[in-house]
Amino acid sequence: MTVNLIFKIAAVGILVSVISQVLKHSGREEHAFLTSLAGLLLVLYWIVPYIYELFETIKKLFSL
């Protein structure tokens, strides 16, 4: 995992929280929820390959 990925995740988190707060204060709670969900799915899309790689490494480690 690179530092670049950590910065991208942090940027998405900050951006989603700001947009969510603006939408909540304007009375659009549904859109705020969907924005948070979209941010979560985007970060999961980035992280899933690393989790898969971790499980594969653990599988190889214990199969020795």
C-alpha atoms as a PDB file:
ATOM      1  CA  MET A   1       0.000   0.000   0.000  1.00  0.00           C
ATOM      2  CA  THR A   2       1.396   3.357  -0.947  1.00  0.00           C
ATOM      3  CA  VAL A   3       1.176   6.680   0.816  1.00  0.00           C
ATOM      4  CA  ASN A   4      -0.643   7.996  -2.248  1.00  0.00           C
ATOM      5  CA  LEU A   5      -3.593   5.699  -1.513  1.00  0.00           C
ATOM      6  CA  ILE A   6      -3.773   6.924   2.084  1.00  0.00           C
ATOM      7  CA  PHE A   7      -3.874  10.534   0.901  1.00  0.00           C
ATOM      8  CA  LYS A   8      -6.600   9.699  -1.631  1.00  0.00           C
ATOM      9  CA  ILE A   9      -8.694   8.038   1.082  1.00  0.00           C
ATOM     10  CA  ALA A  10      -8.224  11.030   3.378  1.00  0.00           C
ATOM     11  CA  ALA A  11      -9.198  13.434   0.598  1.00  0.00           C
ATOM     12  CA  VAL A  12     -12.346  11.456  -0.172  1.00  0.00           C
ATOM     13  CA  GLY A  13     -13.229  11.413   3.526  1.00  0.00           C
ATOM     14  CA  ILE A  14     -12.825  15.167   3.900  1.00  0.00           C
ATOM     15  CA  LEU A  15     -14.707  15.897   0.685  1.00  0.00           C
ATOM     16  CA  VAL A  16     -17.578  13.554   1.536  1.00  0.00           C
ATOM     17  CA  SER A  17     -17.938  14.955   5.041  1.00  0.00           C
ATOM     18  CA  VAL A  18     -18.062  18.554   3.787  1.00  0.00           C
ATOM     19  CA  ILE A  19     -20.580  17.745   1.050  1.00  0.00           C
ATOM     20  CA  SER A  20     -22.642  15.695   3.478  1.00  0.00           C
ATOM     21  CA  GLN A  21     -22.794  18.511   6.013  1.00  0.00           C
ATOM     22  CA  VAL A  22     -23.799  21.039   3.355  1.00  0.00           C
ATOM     23  CA  LEU A  23     -26.548  18.749   2.109  1.00  0.00           C
ATOM     24  CA  LYS A  24     -27.822  18.043   5.638  1.00  0.00           C
ATOM     25  CA  HIS A  25     -28.021  21.735   6.466  1.00  0.00           C
ATOM     26  CA  SER A  26     -29.936  22.399   3.270  1.00  0.00           C
ATOM     27  CA  GLY A  27     -32.496  19.749   4.186  1.00  0.00           C
ATOM     28  CA  ARG A  28     -31.462  17.026   1.777  1.00  0.00           C
ATOM     29  CA  GLU A  29     -30.657  14.176   4.130  1.00  0.00           C
ATOM     30  CA  GLU A  30     -31.275  11.546   1.466  1.00  0.00           C
ATOM     31  CA  HIS A  31     -28.659  13.065  -0.835  1.00  0.00           C
ATOM     32  CA  ALA A  32     -26.226  13.344   2.072  1.00  0.00           C
ATOM     33  CA  PHE A  33     -26.673   9.637   2.809  1.00  0.00           C
ATOM     34  CA  LEU A  34     -26.140   8.718  -0.849  1.00  0.00           C
ATOM     35  CA  THR A  35     -23.010  10.879  -0.954  1.00  0.00           C
ATOM     36  CA  SER A  36     -21.615   9.098   2.089  1.00  0.00           C
ATOM     37  CA  LEU A  37     -22.470   5.732   0.578  1.00  0.00           C
ATOM     38  CA  ALA A  38     -20.783   6.652  -2.708  1.00  0.00           C
ATOM     39  CA  GLY A  39     -17.635   7.711  -0.840  1.00  0.00           C
ATOM     40  CA  LEU A  40     -17.591   4.454   1.090  1.00  0.00           C
ATOM     41  CA  LEU A  41     -18.005   2.380  -2.072  1.00  0.00           C
ATOM     42  CA  LEU A  42     -15.229   4.301  -3.815  1.00  0.00           C
ATOM     43  CA  VAL A  43     -12.796   3.689  -0.955  1.00  0.00           C
ATOM     44  CA  LEU A  44     -13.775   0.016  -0.776  1.00  0.00           C
ATOM     45  CA  TYR A  45     -13.164  -0.286  -4.511  1.00  0.00           C
ATOM     46  CA  TRP A  46      -9.632   0.995  -3.937  1.00  0.00           C
ATOM     47  CA  ILE A  47      -8.936  -1.202  -0.891  1.00  0.00           C
ATOM     48  CA  VAL A  48     -10.380  -4.574  -1.982  1.00  0.00           C
ATOM     49  CA  PRO A  49      -7.317  -5.589  -4.090  1.00  0.00           C
ATOM     50  CA  TYR A  50      -5.042  -5.017  -1.084  1.00  0.00           C
ATOM     51  CA  ILE A  51      -7.308  -7.084   1.164  1.00  0.00           C
ATOM     52  CA  TYR A  52      -7.309  -9.874  -1.430  1.00  0.00           C
ATOM     53  CA  GLU A  53      -3.523  -9.726  -1.586  1.00  0.00           C
ATOM     54  CA  LEU A  54      -3.346  -9.922   2.214  1.00  0.00           C
ATOM     55  CA  PHE A  55      -5.540 -13.031   2.322  1.00  0.00           C
ATOM     56  CA  GLU A  56      -3.532 -14.683  -0.432  1.00  0.00           C
ATOM     57  CA  THR A  57      -0.310 -13.999   1.456  1.00  0.00           C
ATOM     58  CA  ILE A  58      -1.760 -15.447   4.650  1.00  0.00           C
ATOM     59  CA  LYS A  59      -2.976 -18.497   2.739  1.00  0.00           C
ATOM     60  CA  LYS A  60       0.491 -19.067   1.299  1.00  0.00           C
ATOM     61  CA  LEU A  61       2.075 -18.569   4.697  1.00  0.00           C
ATOM     62  CA  PHE A  62      -0.011 -21.213   6.429  1.00  0.00           C
ATOM     63  CA  SER A  63       0.138 -23.710   3.588  1.00  0.00           C
ATOM     64  CA  LEU A  64       3.881 -24.207   4.116  1.00  0.00           C
END
